């Protein structure tokens, strides 16, 4: 538990791990690559150094881990990545939870999910906009306020003198002069610093996340390809959160430094185990927060998880009613009473774990 305690001591609030989660959403992950690594694909990929915080807790405080597992077990649909969706009159479809990273462990479908993908006639990802990034970025430029301050506001103007010095030093260590990003919105800048160096380097080298792999495979196989959201709507959701939340998240992520590698590694291991109901209970226990953190958590959960779950479930209906669909969304959208699995059940579909 030493590492978890150390992380908690270094974090002023829960916002740092919320930002870690947020930046694993596909939109901000690829934006970071576009902004930060253009023309640097030849660089060698750094070795990933993150450690599994759950393994440390299992050795140092097994009772605490048991409590976390008990809490996770209460989460509806909190185990499993592949779900079969059935409705009378339509060929069965499948829902699969992805992780929007290039880590070799998560970019290939498990055998059962691959079989479901192969038999599908339609493949649906969160947004097909990511397949043409130049066109997508041009669309973003039509609303620059989503990514840049267009008034007199600058990033330093939002920071205390102490935080400004820390941010400047931390960015400089990453090869990012503060002066070059002072007009950038904090959620965009966070995307540059919240992922491990090894992940960012893989993205810079053009290695795709699973979602893009699936889209490319679908197109090559002549399958119909569809999306549930637009890239702009994803960015609008992130931008709608309070500015103070994003500023605090950026500051705390930079303070965490290389510790973010442990957060990401733990998330990957939770994902590979299919324990989607484990995400929130573990990080709430490992990185405790005060009332301000709880407020930020609630806003994040409502905007980036719950509201988007509703959009995904609603937009999935047409594909499910046509039958034979393979729908891939971030695994964090699957579990819970307001997760996509449960929302589809409420809409009359029979949804069962298919692993």
Protein backbone atom coordinates (compact mmCIF):
# COMPACT_ATOMS: atom_id res chain seq x y z
CA UNK A 1 0.00 0.00 0.00
CA UNK A 2 3.07 2.27 0.25
CA UNK A 3 2.81 3.42 -3.36
CA UNK A 4 -0.91 4.15 -3.05
CA UNK A 5 -0.32 6.14 0.13
CA UNK A 6 2.55 8.02 -1.51
CA UNK A 7 0.35 8.91 -4.45
CA UNK A 8 -2.41 10.08 -2.15
CA UNK A 9 0.03 12.26 -0.24
CA UNK A 10 1.14 13.93 -3.46
CA UNK A 11 -2.37 14.57 -4.74
CA UNK A 12 -4.46 17.45 -3.45
CA UNK A 13 -7.69 15.91 -4.74
CA UNK A 14 -9.24 13.13 -6.77
CA UNK A 15 -8.88 15.23 -9.91
CA UNK A 16 -5.50 13.76 -10.83
CA UNK A 17 -6.83 10.26 -11.40
CA UNK A 18 -9.98 11.58 -13.00
CA UNK A 19 -7.77 13.31 -15.53
CA UNK A 20 -5.89 10.05 -16.02
CA UNK A 21 -9.20 8.38 -16.83
CA UNK A 22 -10.36 11.29 -18.96
CA UNK A 23 -7.25 11.29 -21.06
CA UNK A 24 -7.71 7.65 -21.88
CA UNK A 25 -10.86 8.62 -23.72
CA UNK A 26 -10.00 8.34 -27.34
CA UNK A 27 -10.44 11.96 -28.33
CA UNK A 28 -7.88 13.50 -26.04
CA UNK A 29 -5.45 10.65 -26.54
CA UNK A 30 -5.09 11.22 -30.26
CA UNK A 31 -5.18 15.01 -29.92
CA UNK A 32 -2.10 14.74 -27.75
CA UNK A 33 -0.32 12.89 -30.52
CA UNK A 34 -1.25 15.45 -33.16
CA UNK A 35 -0.13 18.42 -31.09
CA UNK A 36 2.98 17.06 -29.47
CA UNK A 37 4.65 14.54 -31.69
CA UNK A 38 4.33 15.73 -35.28
CA UNK A 39 7.46 14.74 -37.15
CA UNK A 40 8.96 12.75 -34.28
CA UNK A 41 7.91 9.23 -35.24
CA UNK A 42 11.52 8.14 -35.63
CA UNK A 43 12.20 8.40 -31.88
CA UNK A 44 12.79 5.14 -30.02
CA UNK A 45 9.90 3.96 -27.86
CA UNK A 46 10.71 4.36 -24.14
CA UNK A 47 10.22 1.34 -21.93
CA UNK A 48 6.99 1.37 -19.91
CA UNK A 49 7.85 1.41 -16.20
CA UNK A 50 4.47 1.48 -14.43
CA UNK A 51 3.72 -0.90 -11.55
CA UNK A 52 0.44 -2.52 -10.61
CA UNK A 53 -0.81 -0.79 -7.47
CA UNK A 54 -3.29 -3.59 -6.80
CA UNK A 55 -0.48 -6.12 -6.50
CA UNK A 56 1.22 -3.88 -3.97
CA UNK A 57 -2.00 -3.54 -2.01
CA UNK A 58 -2.52 -7.32 -2.08
CA UNK A 59 0.83 -7.74 -0.36
CA UNK A 60 0.70 -4.83 2.06
CA UNK A 61 -2.99 -4.45 2.93
CA UNK A 62 -5.06 -7.43 1.76
CA UNK A 63 -7.98 -6.48 4.00
CA UNK A 64 -8.31 -3.12 2.23
CA UNK A 65 -8.19 -4.86 -1.13
CA UNK A 66 -10.92 -7.25 -0.01
CA UNK A 67 -13.11 -4.27 0.85
CA UNK A 68 -12.49 -2.77 -2.58
CA UNK A 69 -13.34 -6.06 -4.28
CA UNK A 70 -16.52 -6.32 -2.24
CA UNK A 71 -17.54 -2.83 -3.37
CA UNK A 72 -16.72 -3.66 -6.96
CA UNK A 73 -18.79 -6.84 -6.75
CA UNK A 74 -21.87 -4.72 -6.04
CA UNK A 75 -21.53 -2.95 -9.39
CA UNK A 76 -24.09 -4.26 -11.91
CA UNK A 77 -22.41 -5.78 -14.98
CA UNK A 78 -19.01 -5.09 -13.46
CA UNK A 79 -17.35 -8.22 -14.84
CA UNK A 80 -16.82 -8.99 -18.49
CA UNK A 81 -15.86 -7.15 -21.67
CA UNK A 82 -17.98 -9.02 -24.24
CA UNK A 83 -21.78 -8.97 -24.13
CA UNK A 84 -24.31 -10.64 -26.43
CA UNK A 85 -27.34 -8.54 -27.34
CA UNK A 86 -30.51 -10.20 -28.59
CA UNK A 87 -33.92 -9.02 -29.73
CA UNK A 88 -36.67 -10.99 -31.41
CA UNK A 89 -36.53 -10.73 -35.17
CA UNK A 90 -32.90 -9.63 -35.40
CA UNK A 91 -29.61 -11.47 -35.66
CA UNK A 92 -27.68 -11.29 -32.35
CA UNK A 93 -25.21 -8.45 -31.91
CA UNK A 94 -22.28 -7.97 -29.56
CA UNK A 95 -21.01 -5.17 -27.32
CA UNK A 96 -17.31 -5.06 -26.46
CA UNK A 97 -15.43 -2.82 -24.05
CA UNK A 98 -12.15 -1.40 -25.32
CA UNK A 99 -9.28 0.56 -23.83
CA UNK A 100 -8.19 3.48 -25.96
CA UNK A 101 -4.47 2.83 -25.82
CA UNK A 102 -1.77 1.40 -28.09
CA UNK A 103 -0.37 -0.97 -25.46
CA UNK A 104 0.24 -4.32 -27.23
CA UNK A 105 -1.77 -6.10 -24.54
CA UNK A 106 -5.01 -4.31 -25.45
CA UNK A 107 -4.87 -3.78 -29.22
CA UNK A 108 -5.84 -7.34 -30.19
CA UNK A 109 -9.27 -8.81 -29.58
CA UNK A 110 -9.57 -11.86 -27.32
CA UNK A 111 -10.52 -15.03 -29.24
CA UNK A 112 -14.20 -14.93 -28.30
CA UNK A 113 -14.53 -11.28 -29.24
CA UNK A 114 -12.66 -11.87 -32.50
CA UNK A 115 -15.14 -14.62 -33.38
CA UNK A 116 -18.03 -12.25 -32.72
CA UNK A 117 -16.34 -9.57 -34.83
CA UNK A 118 -15.74 -11.98 -37.71
CA UNK A 119 -19.41 -12.98 -37.90
CA UNK A 120 -20.67 -9.40 -37.76
CA UNK A 121 -21.93 -7.51 -40.79
CA UNK A 122 -21.62 -4.09 -39.15
CA UNK A 123 -18.89 -2.69 -36.91
CA UNK A 124 -19.62 0.34 -34.74
CA UNK A 125 -17.06 2.41 -32.82
CA UNK A 126 -17.48 5.52 -30.68
CA UNK A 127 -16.74 7.87 -33.56
CA UNK A 128 -15.64 7.27 -37.14
CA UNK A 129 -14.30 10.83 -37.31
CA UNK A 130 -10.93 9.56 -36.08
CA UNK A 131 -10.33 7.78 -39.38
CA UNK A 132 -9.73 11.12 -41.11
CA UNK A 133 -7.84 13.18 -38.57
CA UNK A 134 -7.00 16.02 -40.97
CA UNK A 135 -10.67 16.56 -41.74
CA UNK A 136 -11.54 16.24 -38.07
CA UNK A 137 -8.95 18.81 -37.00
CA UNK A 138 -10.22 21.17 -39.69
CA UNK A 139 -13.67 20.80 -38.14
CA UNK A 140 -12.29 21.64 -34.72
CA UNK A 141 -10.68 24.76 -36.11
CA UNK A 142 -14.15 26.04 -36.96
CA UNK A 143 -14.72 26.31 -33.20
CA UNK A 144 -11.28 27.19 -31.81
CA UNK A 145 -12.72 28.04 -28.40
CA UNK A 146 -12.94 24.31 -27.72
CA UNK A 147 -9.15 24.05 -27.65
CA UNK A 148 -7.71 27.54 -27.22
CA UNK A 149 -8.37 30.65 -25.19
CA UNK A 150 -9.56 33.25 -27.67
CA UNK A 151 -9.81 36.10 -25.17
CA UNK A 152 -7.11 37.58 -22.90
CA UNK A 153 -7.00 34.47 -20.72
CA UNK A 154 -3.74 32.53 -20.55
CA UNK A 155 -2.81 29.41 -18.63
CA UNK A 156 -0.46 31.31 -16.26
CA UNK A 157 -3.29 33.72 -15.44
CA UNK A 158 -5.20 30.76 -13.96
CA UNK A 159 -2.33 29.57 -11.78
CA UNK A 160 -0.92 30.71 -8.47
CA UNK A 161 2.72 31.88 -8.65
CA UNK A 162 3.81 28.65 -6.93
CA UNK A 163 1.83 26.45 -9.32
CA UNK A 164 3.05 28.40 -12.33
CA UNK A 165 6.67 27.68 -11.40
CA UNK A 166 5.92 24.00 -10.89
CA UNK A 167 3.98 23.74 -14.16
CA UNK A 168 6.70 25.53 -16.11
CA UNK A 169 9.40 23.23 -14.70
CA UNK A 170 7.34 20.07 -15.28
CA UNK A 171 6.50 21.02 -18.85
CA UNK A 172 10.12 21.96 -19.56
CA UNK A 173 11.17 18.49 -18.39
CA UNK A 174 8.85 17.11 -21.07
CA UNK A 175 10.28 19.40 -23.73
CA UNK A 176 7.26 21.73 -23.77
CA UNK A 177 8.06 25.44 -23.21
CA UNK A 178 5.28 27.07 -21.20
CA UNK A 179 5.32 30.05 -23.55
CA UNK A 180 4.32 27.78 -26.43
CA UNK A 181 1.12 26.57 -24.74
CA UNK A 182 -0.10 29.56 -22.73
CA UNK A 183 -3.24 29.91 -24.89
CA UNK A 184 -4.04 26.20 -24.89
CA UNK A 185 -7.03 25.01 -22.86
CA UNK A 186 -5.91 22.93 -19.87
CA UNK A 187 -7.77 19.79 -20.98
CA UNK A 188 -5.79 19.75 -24.21
CA UNK A 189 -2.50 20.30 -22.41
CA UNK A 190 -3.42 17.59 -19.90
CA UNK A 191 -3.65 15.16 -22.80
CA UNK A 192 0.02 15.80 -23.51
CA UNK A 193 1.18 14.93 -20.01
CA UNK A 194 -1.25 12.39 -18.55
CA UNK A 195 -0.13 9.42 -20.64
CA UNK A 196 3.16 7.56 -20.09
CA UNK A 197 6.06 8.40 -22.40
CA UNK A 198 5.94 4.90 -23.87
CA UNK A 199 2.28 5.32 -24.87
CA UNK A 200 2.85 8.73 -26.41
CA UNK A 201 5.84 7.44 -28.37
CA UNK A 202 3.81 4.54 -29.77
CA UNK A 203 1.13 6.97 -30.87
CA UNK A 204 3.75 9.18 -32.45
CA UNK A 205 4.99 6.18 -34.41
CA UNK A 206 1.49 5.70 -35.78
CA UNK A 207 0.53 2.63 -33.76
CA UNK A 208 -3.30 2.58 -33.59
CA UNK A 209 -5.60 1.87 -30.68
CA UNK A 210 -7.92 -1.13 -30.90
CA UNK A 211 -10.88 0.94 -32.08
CA UNK A 212 -9.02 2.11 -35.18
CA UNK A 213 -7.74 -1.42 -35.80
CA UNK A 214 -11.32 -2.67 -35.76
CA UNK A 215 -12.49 0.07 -38.12
CA UNK A 216 -9.70 -0.71 -40.58
CA UNK A 217 -10.42 -4.43 -40.41
CA UNK A 218 -14.11 -3.76 -40.97
CA UNK A 219 -13.44 -1.67 -44.06
CA UNK A 220 -11.02 -4.24 -45.45
CA UNK A 221 -13.60 -7.00 -44.96
CA UNK A 222 -16.37 -4.98 -46.61
CA UNK A 223 -18.37 -4.61 -43.42
CA UNK A 224 -20.59 -1.59 -42.79
CA UNK A 225 -18.91 0.89 -40.45
CA UNK A 226 -20.81 3.16 -38.08
CA UNK A 227 -20.27 5.54 -35.16
CA UNK A 228 -22.19 6.52 -32.03
CA UNK A 229 -20.83 10.03 -31.45
CA UNK A 230 -18.91 12.76 -33.21
CA UNK A 231 -15.40 13.75 -32.21
CA UNK A 232 -16.60 17.30 -31.72
CA UNK A 233 -19.35 16.22 -29.33
CA UNK A 234 -16.75 14.34 -27.27
CA UNK A 235 -14.56 17.43 -27.03
CA UNK A 236 -17.58 19.60 -26.25
CA UNK A 237 -18.41 17.32 -23.32
CA UNK A 238 -14.89 17.66 -21.95
CA UNK A 239 -14.93 21.42 -22.48
CA UNK A 240 -18.22 21.77 -20.61
CA UNK A 241 -16.68 20.76 -17.29
CA UNK A 242 -15.69 23.64 -14.97
CA UNK A 243 -12.45 25.35 -15.92
CA UNK A 244 -11.28 25.12 -12.31
CA UNK A 245 -11.59 21.35 -12.46
CA UNK A 246 -9.38 21.13 -15.54
CA UNK A 247 -6.77 23.53 -14.15
CA UNK A 248 -6.53 21.59 -10.90
CA UNK A 249 -6.36 18.34 -12.82
CA UNK A 250 -3.46 19.60 -14.93
CA UNK A 251 -1.56 20.83 -11.89
CA UNK A 252 -2.05 17.61 -9.94
CA UNK A 253 -1.14 15.41 -12.89
CA UNK A 254 2.11 17.30 -13.34
CA UNK A 255 2.82 17.00 -9.62
CA UNK A 256 2.30 13.26 -9.84
CA UNK A 257 5.06 13.01 -12.42
CA UNK A 258 6.10 9.47 -13.26
CA UNK A 259 3.55 8.16 -10.77
CA UNK A 260 0.96 8.45 -13.55
CA UNK A 261 2.64 5.39 -15.09
CA UNK A 262 1.50 3.33 -12.09
CA UNK A 263 -2.06 4.62 -12.44
CA UNK A 264 -2.16 3.67 -16.13
CA UNK A 265 -0.55 0.27 -15.56
CA UNK A 266 -3.11 -0.52 -12.88
CA UNK A 267 -5.94 0.47 -15.19
CA UNK A 268 -4.57 -1.82 -17.91
CA UNK A 269 -4.35 -4.76 -15.53
CA UNK A 270 -7.90 -4.16 -14.29
CA UNK A 271 -9.04 -4.04 -17.89
CA UNK A 272 -7.25 -7.24 -18.91
CA UNK A 273 -8.96 -9.03 -16.02
CA UNK A 274 -12.32 -7.78 -17.29
CA UNK A 275 -13.08 -6.31 -13.86
CA UNK A 276 -14.72 -3.11 -15.12
CA UNK A 277 -16.56 -2.64 -11.84
CA UNK A 278 -13.20 -2.36 -10.10
CA UNK A 279 -12.04 0.91 -11.65
CA UNK A 280 -13.82 3.44 -9.45
CA UNK A 281 -13.72 1.57 -6.10
CA UNK A 282 -9.97 1.03 -6.33
CA UNK A 283 -9.01 4.56 -7.22
CA UNK A 284 -11.41 6.09 -4.74
CA UNK A 285 -9.73 4.03 -2.03
CA UNK A 286 -6.16 4.48 -3.23
CA UNK A 287 -6.41 8.20 -3.93
CA UNK A 288 -8.84 9.68 -1.40
CA UNK A 289 -10.22 13.19 -1.75
CA UNK A 290 -12.08 15.82 0.20
CA UNK A 291 -15.39 17.42 -0.59
CA UNK A 292 -13.97 19.43 -3.49
CA UNK A 293 -12.70 16.25 -5.07
CA UNK A 294 -16.08 14.58 -4.69
CA UNK A 295 -17.71 17.52 -6.44
CA UNK A 296 -15.26 17.26 -9.32
CA UNK A 297 -15.83 13.51 -9.47
CA UNK A 298 -19.60 13.95 -9.71
CA UNK A 299 -19.32 16.47 -12.53
CA UNK A 300 -16.89 14.27 -14.43
CA UNK A 301 -18.97 11.12 -13.98
CA UNK A 302 -22.18 12.82 -15.10
CA UNK A 303 -20.67 14.55 -18.13
CA UNK A 304 -18.11 12.09 -19.44
CA UNK A 305 -19.69 8.79 -18.38
CA UNK A 306 -23.40 8.88 -17.58
CA UNK A 307 -24.57 11.37 -20.21
CA UNK A 308 -22.49 9.73 -22.92
CA UNK A 309 -23.77 6.29 -21.89
CA UNK A 310 -27.26 7.50 -22.74
CA UNK A 311 -26.13 8.78 -26.13
CA UNK A 312 -24.35 5.54 -26.92
CA UNK A 313 -27.30 3.35 -25.95
CA UNK A 314 -29.71 5.50 -27.94
CA UNK A 315 -27.56 5.61 -31.06
CA UNK A 316 -26.84 1.87 -30.87
CA UNK A 317 -30.50 0.92 -31.28
CA UNK A 318 -30.62 1.26 -35.06
CA UNK A 319 -27.60 -1.01 -35.45
CA UNK A 320 -28.97 -3.54 -32.95
CA UNK A 321 -32.39 -3.63 -34.54
CA UNK A 322 -30.78 -4.31 -37.93
CA UNK A 323 -28.84 -7.15 -36.30
CA UNK A 324 -25.37 -8.56 -36.72
CA UNK A 325 -23.53 -5.61 -35.19
CA UNK A 326 -20.26 -5.56 -33.28
CA UNK A 327 -20.22 -2.42 -31.13
CA UNK A 328 -16.99 -1.32 -29.44
CA UNK A 329 -16.97 1.39 -26.78
CA UNK A 330 -14.66 2.28 -23.91
CA UNK A 331 -14.93 -0.34 -21.17
CA UNK A 332 -15.75 2.31 -18.57
CA UNK A 333 -19.12 2.75 -20.30
CA UNK A 334 -20.25 -0.84 -19.70
CA UNK A 335 -20.82 -1.29 -15.93
CA UNK A 336 -23.21 0.27 -13.46
CA UNK A 337 -26.91 0.94 -13.16
CA UNK A 338 -26.56 3.65 -15.79
CA UNK A 339 -24.02 1.81 -17.92
CA UNK A 340 -24.67 0.91 -21.54
CA UNK A 341 -25.36 -2.76 -20.71
CA UNK A 342 -28.12 -1.89 -18.25
CA UNK A 343 -29.57 0.87 -20.43
CA UNK A 344 -29.96 -1.57 -23.32
CA UNK A 345 -31.74 -4.03 -21.04
CA UNK A 346 -34.14 -1.28 -20.01
CA UNK A 347 -34.82 -0.69 -23.71
CA UNK A 348 -36.00 -4.27 -24.11
CA UNK A 349 -32.88 -6.05 -25.32
CA UNK A 350 -31.65 -9.28 -23.79
CA UNK A 351 -28.03 -8.67 -22.79
CA UNK A 352 -25.90 -11.50 -21.44
CA UNK A 353 -22.19 -11.89 -20.79
CA UNK A 354 -20.66 -13.73 -23.73
CA UNK A 355 -17.22 -14.65 -22.38
